[in-house]
Amino acid sequence: MSNTIRLADLLSPAAMSLQLAGKDRDAVLEELTRLIPGIEEQPAARATLLRALHEREQLHSTGIGDGVALPHARNALVGLVDKPVIVFGRHDRGVAYGAVDGKPAQLFFLIVAPTVTQHLGILARISRVLNNPRLRQALLTVDRPERALALIREAEEKHYAA
């Protein structure tokens, strides 16, 4: 497990928002990119990432259903971040996101990775962990970012211990 990317290691309470306010997908993506450690104060880097995110959404929505969206660029963004980062956000009402089941997205996990291998590994791992309906429900009601991180860590450990 030493080489395995752990989701809980890529998340931090500072890179979480439990009160996303955007009224549509683009506004939510803007909010999420402002939480990325290291580029929150770099408008050019954020613009590059937003452009890549929009291009990815034009190809096919990253709304995976069950109120979850995994915004990410189509390719790794070399030079944007030094190490993989996941930003978590929650929207109380949800926003239309083009998910396969038609449900609005409420839980967002923005993924940014410097390599394709990391990018794909994170997508696979987060998809498996979020397959747990109890975790999704708990994340909809969690009251603090620290608790959200703990819930994700617990779910990940249980899933991969089995």
C-alpha atoms as a PDB file:
ATOM      1  CA  MET A   1       0.000   0.000   0.000  1.00  0.00           C
ATOM      2  CA  SER A   2       3.045   2.275   0.172  1.00  0.00           C
ATOM      3  CA  ASN A   3       2.780   3.359  -3.495  1.00  0.00           C
ATOM      4  CA  THR A   4      -0.997   3.633  -3.407  1.00  0.00           C
ATOM      5  CA  ILE A   5      -2.451   7.105  -3.578  1.00  0.00           C
ATOM      6  CA  ARG A   6      -4.758   7.652  -0.621  1.00  0.00           C
ATOM      7  CA  LEU A   7      -7.587  10.092  -1.186  1.00  0.00           C
ATOM      8  CA  ALA A   8      -7.416  11.322   2.391  1.00  0.00           C
ATOM      9  CA  ASP A   9      -3.779  12.335   1.806  1.00  0.00           C
ATOM     10  CA  LEU A  10      -4.787  14.497  -1.173  1.00  0.00           C
ATOM     11  CA  LEU A  11      -7.558  16.325   0.661  1.00  0.00           C
ATOM     12  CA  SER A  12      -7.311  18.985   3.336  1.00  0.00           C
ATOM     13  CA  PRO A  13      -9.927  20.955   5.273  1.00  0.00           C
ATOM     14  CA  ALA A  14      -8.543  24.165   3.708  1.00  0.00           C
ATOM     15  CA  ALA A  15      -9.390  22.787   0.242  1.00  0.00           C
ATOM     16  CA  MET A  16     -13.022  22.119   1.103  1.00  0.00           C
ATOM     17  CA  SER A  17     -16.211  24.135   0.988  1.00  0.00           C
ATOM     18  CA  LEU A  18     -19.425  22.850   2.484  1.00  0.00           C
ATOM     19  CA  GLN A  19     -21.330  25.902   1.208  1.00  0.00           C
ATOM     20  CA  LEU A  20     -20.821  26.236  -2.518  1.00  0.00           C
ATOM     21  CA  ALA A  21     -23.071  29.020  -3.770  1.00  0.00           C
ATOM     22  CA  GLY A  22     -22.714  28.927  -7.570  1.00  0.00           C
ATOM     23  CA  LYS A  23     -25.974  28.798  -9.475  1.00  0.00           C
ATOM     24  CA  ASP A  24     -24.588  26.730 -12.350  1.00  0.00           C
ATOM     25  CA  ARG A  25     -21.746  24.386 -13.290  1.00  0.00           C
ATOM     26  CA  ASP A  26     -19.381  27.149 -14.405  1.00  0.00           C
ATOM     27  CA  ALA A  27     -19.820  29.153 -11.201  1.00  0.00           C
ATOM     28  CA  VAL A  28     -19.215  26.045  -9.071  1.00  0.00           C
ATOM     29  CA  LEU A  29     -16.060  25.195 -11.044  1.00  0.00           C
ATOM     30  CA  GLU A  30     -14.817  28.746 -10.452  1.00  0.00           C
ATOM     31  CA  GLU A  31     -15.455  28.373  -6.699  1.00  0.00           C
ATOM     32  CA  LEU A  32     -13.664  25.029  -6.562  1.00  0.00           C
ATOM     33  CA  THR A  33     -10.569  26.269  -8.416  1.00  0.00           C
ATOM     34  CA  ARG A  34     -10.210  29.091  -5.881  1.00  0.00           C
ATOM     35  CA  LEU A  35      -9.637  26.434  -3.193  1.00  0.00           C
ATOM     36  CA  ILE A  36      -6.665  24.703  -4.821  1.00  0.00           C
ATOM     37  CA  PRO A  37      -3.592  25.138  -2.631  1.00  0.00           C
ATOM     38  CA  GLY A  38      -0.811  26.922  -4.466  1.00  0.00           C
ATOM     39  CA  ILE A  39      -2.861  28.424  -7.289  1.00  0.00           C
ATOM     40  CA  GLU A  40      -5.612  30.205  -5.383  1.00  0.00           C
ATOM     41  CA  GLU A  41      -3.695  33.472  -5.834  1.00  0.00           C
ATOM     42  CA  GLN A  42      -2.560  32.793  -9.416  1.00  0.00           C
ATOM     43  CA  PRO A  43      -5.226  34.034 -11.843  1.00  0.00           C
ATOM     44  CA  ALA A  44      -3.393  32.758 -14.942  1.00  0.00           C
ATOM     45  CA  ALA A  45      -3.028  29.244 -13.517  1.00  0.00           C
ATOM     46  CA  ARG A  46      -6.680  29.206 -12.434  1.00  0.00           C
ATOM     47  CA  ALA A  47      -7.748  30.407 -15.902  1.00  0.00           C
ATOM     48  CA  THR A  48      -5.723  27.600 -17.531  1.00  0.00           C
ATOM     49  CA  LEU A  49      -7.341  25.043 -15.262  1.00  0.00           C
ATOM     50  CA  LEU A  50     -10.842  26.442 -15.789  1.00  0.00           C
ATOM     51  CA  ARG A  51     -10.353  26.340 -19.557  1.00  0.00           C
ATOM     52  CA  ALA A  52      -9.236  22.691 -19.312  1.00  0.00           C
ATOM     53  CA  LEU A  53     -12.205  21.838 -17.072  1.00  0.00           C
ATOM     54  CA  HIS A  54     -14.655  23.455 -19.485  1.00  0.00           C
ATOM     55  CA  GLU A  55     -13.101  21.591 -22.417  1.00  0.00           C
ATOM     56  CA  ARG A  56     -13.514  18.311 -20.518  1.00  0.00           C
ATOM     57  CA  GLU A  57     -17.156  19.061 -19.697  1.00  0.00           C
ATOM     58  CA  GLN A  58     -17.804  19.808 -23.399  1.00  0.00           C
ATOM     59  CA  LEU A  59     -16.590  16.302 -24.273  1.00  0.00           C
ATOM     60  CA  HIS A  60     -18.767  14.585 -21.695  1.00  0.00           C
ATOM     61  CA  SER A  61     -20.078  15.601 -18.295  1.00  0.00           C
ATOM     62  CA  THR A  62     -18.065  14.558 -15.272  1.00  0.00           C
ATOM     63  CA  GLY A  63     -21.328  14.206 -13.349  1.00  0.00           C
ATOM     64  CA  ILE A  64     -21.245  10.499 -12.514  1.00  0.00           C
ATOM     65  CA  GLY A  65     -24.731  10.300 -11.018  1.00  0.00           C
ATOM     66  CA  ASP A  66     -26.116   9.955  -7.499  1.00  0.00           C
ATOM     67  CA  GLY A  67     -25.513  13.692  -6.980  1.00  0.00           C
ATOM     68  CA  VAL A  68     -21.742  13.385  -7.517  1.00  0.00           C
ATOM     69  CA  ALA A  69     -19.455  15.179  -9.976  1.00  0.00           C
ATOM     70  CA  LEU A  70     -15.737  14.559 -10.462  1.00  0.00           C
ATOM     71  CA  PRO A  71     -14.549  17.612 -12.386  1.00  0.00           C
ATOM     72  CA  HIS A  72     -11.125  17.041 -13.887  1.00  0.00           C
ATOM     73  CA  ALA A  73      -9.208  18.000 -16.985  1.00  0.00           C
ATOM     74  CA  ARG A  74      -8.993  15.541 -19.844  1.00  0.00           C
ATOM     75  CA  ASN A  75      -5.227  15.343 -19.480  1.00  0.00           C
ATOM     76  CA  ALA A  76      -2.825  15.889 -16.623  1.00  0.00           C
ATOM     77  CA  LEU A  77      -1.850  19.530 -16.286  1.00  0.00           C
ATOM     78  CA  VAL A  78       1.917  19.388 -16.094  1.00  0.00           C
ATOM     79  CA  GLY A  79       3.404  22.262 -14.143  1.00  0.00           C
ATOM     80  CA  LEU A  80       0.131  23.429 -12.622  1.00  0.00           C
ATOM     81  CA  VAL A  81       0.559  21.525  -9.366  1.00  0.00           C
ATOM     82  CA  ASP A  82       3.577  19.712  -7.908  1.00  0.00           C
ATOM     83  CA  LYS A  83       1.525  16.881  -6.447  1.00  0.00           C
ATOM     84  CA  PRO A  84      -2.034  15.618  -6.896  1.00  0.00           C
ATOM     85  CA  VAL A  85      -4.781  17.611  -5.198  1.00  0.00           C
ATOM     86  CA  ILE A  86      -8.462  16.960  -4.593  1.00  0.00           C
ATOM     87  CA  VAL A  87     -10.813  19.815  -3.712  1.00  0.00           C
ATOM     88  CA  PHE A  88     -14.129  18.832  -2.127  1.00  0.00           C
ATOM     89  CA  GLY A  89     -17.217  20.989  -2.305  1.00  0.00           C
ATOM     90  CA  ARG A  90     -20.857  20.571  -1.372  1.00  0.00           C
ATOM     91  CA  HIS A  91     -23.813  22.460  -2.782  1.00  0.00           C
ATOM     92  CA  ASP A  92     -26.952  22.274  -0.637  1.00  0.00           C
ATOM     93  CA  ARG A  93     -29.466  22.559  -3.507  1.00  0.00           C
ATOM     94  CA  GLY A  94     -27.321  21.025  -6.219  1.00  0.00           C
ATOM     95  CA  VAL A  95     -26.717  22.291  -9.736  1.00  0.00           C
ATOM     96  CA  ALA A  96     -27.603  20.828 -13.113  1.00  0.00           C
ATOM     97  CA  TYR A  97     -24.500  18.992 -14.251  1.00  0.00           C
ATOM     98  CA  GLY A  98     -25.518  16.763 -17.129  1.00  0.00           C
ATOM     99  CA  ALA A  99     -25.163  13.596 -15.064  1.00  0.00           C
ATOM    100  CA  VAL A 100     -26.213  10.339 -16.667  1.00  0.00           C
ATOM    101  CA  ASP A 101     -29.086   9.960 -14.157  1.00  0.00           C
ATOM    102  CA  GLY A 102     -30.254  13.573 -14.624  1.00  0.00           C
ATOM    103  CA  LYS A 103     -29.865  14.396 -10.917  1.00  0.00           C
ATOM    104  CA  PRO A 104     -28.280  17.691  -9.906  1.00  0.00           C
ATOM    105  CA  ALA A 105     -24.764  17.428  -8.497  1.00  0.00           C
ATOM    106  CA  GLN A 106     -24.326  18.276  -4.826  1.00  0.00           C
ATOM    107  CA  LEU A 107     -20.972  16.642  -4.051  1.00  0.00           C
ATOM    108  CA  PHE A 108     -17.960  17.778  -6.062  1.00  0.00           C
ATOM    109  CA  PHE A 109     -14.460  16.353  -6.065  1.00  0.00           C
ATOM    110  CA  LEU A 110     -12.195  18.458  -8.287  1.00  0.00           C
ATOM    111  CA  ILE A 111      -9.114  16.441  -9.250  1.00  0.00           C
ATOM    112  CA  VAL A 112      -5.842  17.990 -10.389  1.00  0.00           C
ATOM    113  CA  ALA A 113      -2.789  15.784 -10.942  1.00  0.00           C
ATOM    114  CA  PRO A 114       0.604  16.396 -12.544  1.00  0.00           C
ATOM    115  CA  THR A 115       0.781  12.986 -14.284  1.00  0.00           C
ATOM    116  CA  VAL A 116      -1.664  10.872 -16.257  1.00  0.00           C
ATOM    117  CA  THR A 117      -0.957   7.817 -14.090  1.00  0.00           C
ATOM    118  CA  GLN A 118      -1.841   9.711 -10.908  1.00  0.00           C
ATOM    119  CA  HIS A 119      -4.864  11.285 -12.578  1.00  0.00           C
ATOM    120  CA  LEU A 120      -6.304   7.923 -13.638  1.00  0.00           C
ATOM    121  CA  GLY A 121      -5.475   6.270 -10.319  1.00  0.00           C
ATOM    122  CA  ILE A 122      -7.268   8.987  -8.360  1.00  0.00           C
ATOM    123  CA  LEU A 123     -10.330   8.861 -10.623  1.00  0.00           C
ATOM    124  CA  ALA A 124     -10.591   5.098 -10.215  1.00  0.00           C
ATOM    125  CA  ARG A 125     -10.092   5.178  -6.464  1.00  0.00           C
ATOM    126  CA  ILE A 126     -12.519   8.016  -5.782  1.00  0.00           C
ATOM    127  CA  SER A 127     -15.167   6.411  -7.992  1.00  0.00           C
ATOM    128  CA  ARG A 128     -14.937   3.184  -6.001  1.00  0.00           C
ATOM    129  CA  VAL A 129     -15.087   4.896  -2.614  1.00  0.00           C
ATOM    130  CA  LEU A 130     -18.021   7.126  -3.642  1.00  0.00           C
ATOM    131  CA  ASN A 131     -19.956   4.067  -4.741  1.00  0.00           C
ATOM    132  CA  ASN A 132     -20.868   3.770  -1.043  1.00  0.00           C
ATOM    133  CA  PRO A 133     -24.328   5.350  -0.548  1.00  0.00           C
ATOM    134  CA  ARG A 134     -23.706   5.790   3.196  1.00  0.00           C
ATOM    135  CA  LEU A 135     -20.643   7.907   2.527  1.00  0.00           C
ATOM    136  CA  ARG A 136     -22.498  10.058   0.003  1.00  0.00           C
ATOM    137  CA  GLN A 137     -25.358  10.585   2.454  1.00  0.00           C
ATOM    138  CA  ALA A 138     -22.979  11.431   5.308  1.00  0.00           C
ATOM    139  CA  LEU A 139     -21.141  13.979   3.136  1.00  0.00           C
ATOM    140  CA  LEU A 140     -24.456  15.713   2.394  1.00  0.00           C
ATOM    141  CA  THR A 141     -24.988  16.432   6.083  1.00  0.00           C
ATOM    142  CA  VAL A 142     -21.481  16.729   7.532  1.00  0.00           C
ATOM    143  CA  ASP A 143     -21.001  19.979   9.463  1.00  0.00           C
ATOM    144  CA  ARG A 144     -17.213  20.533   9.307  1.00  0.00           C
ATOM    145  CA  PRO A 145     -14.510  19.980   6.695  1.00  0.00           C
ATOM    146  CA  GLU A 146     -12.436  18.030   9.233  1.00  0.00           C
ATOM    147  CA  ARG A 147     -15.328  15.613   9.691  1.00  0.00           C
ATOM    148  CA  ALA A 148     -15.750  15.262   5.905  1.00  0.00           C
ATOM    149  CA  LEU A 149     -12.073  14.300   5.666  1.00  0.00           C
ATOM    150  CA  ALA A 150     -12.503  11.746   8.458  1.00  0.00           C
ATOM    151  CA  LEU A 151     -15.556  10.220   6.735  1.00  0.00           C
ATOM    152  CA  ILE A 152     -13.661   9.855   3.462  1.00  0.00           C
ATOM    153  CA  ARG A 153     -10.650   8.355   5.248  1.00  0.00           C
ATOM    154  CA  GLU A 154     -12.862   5.819   7.080  1.00  0.00           C
ATOM    155  CA  ALA A 155     -14.748   4.842   3.918  1.00  0.00           C
ATOM    156  CA  GLU A 156     -11.526   4.459   1.977  1.00  0.00           C
ATOM    157  CA  GLU A 157      -9.927   2.288   4.666  1.00  0.00           C
ATOM    158  CA  LYS A 158     -13.018   0.062   4.892  1.00  0.00           C
ATOM    159  CA  HIS A 159     -13.311  -0.298   1.126  1.00  0.00           C
ATOM    160  CA  TYR A 160      -9.668  -1.221   0.586  1.00  0.00           C
ATOM    161  CA  ALA A 161      -9.398  -3.427   3.695  1.00  0.00           C
ATOM    162  CA  ALA A 162     -12.039  -5.763   2.267  1.00  0.00           C
END
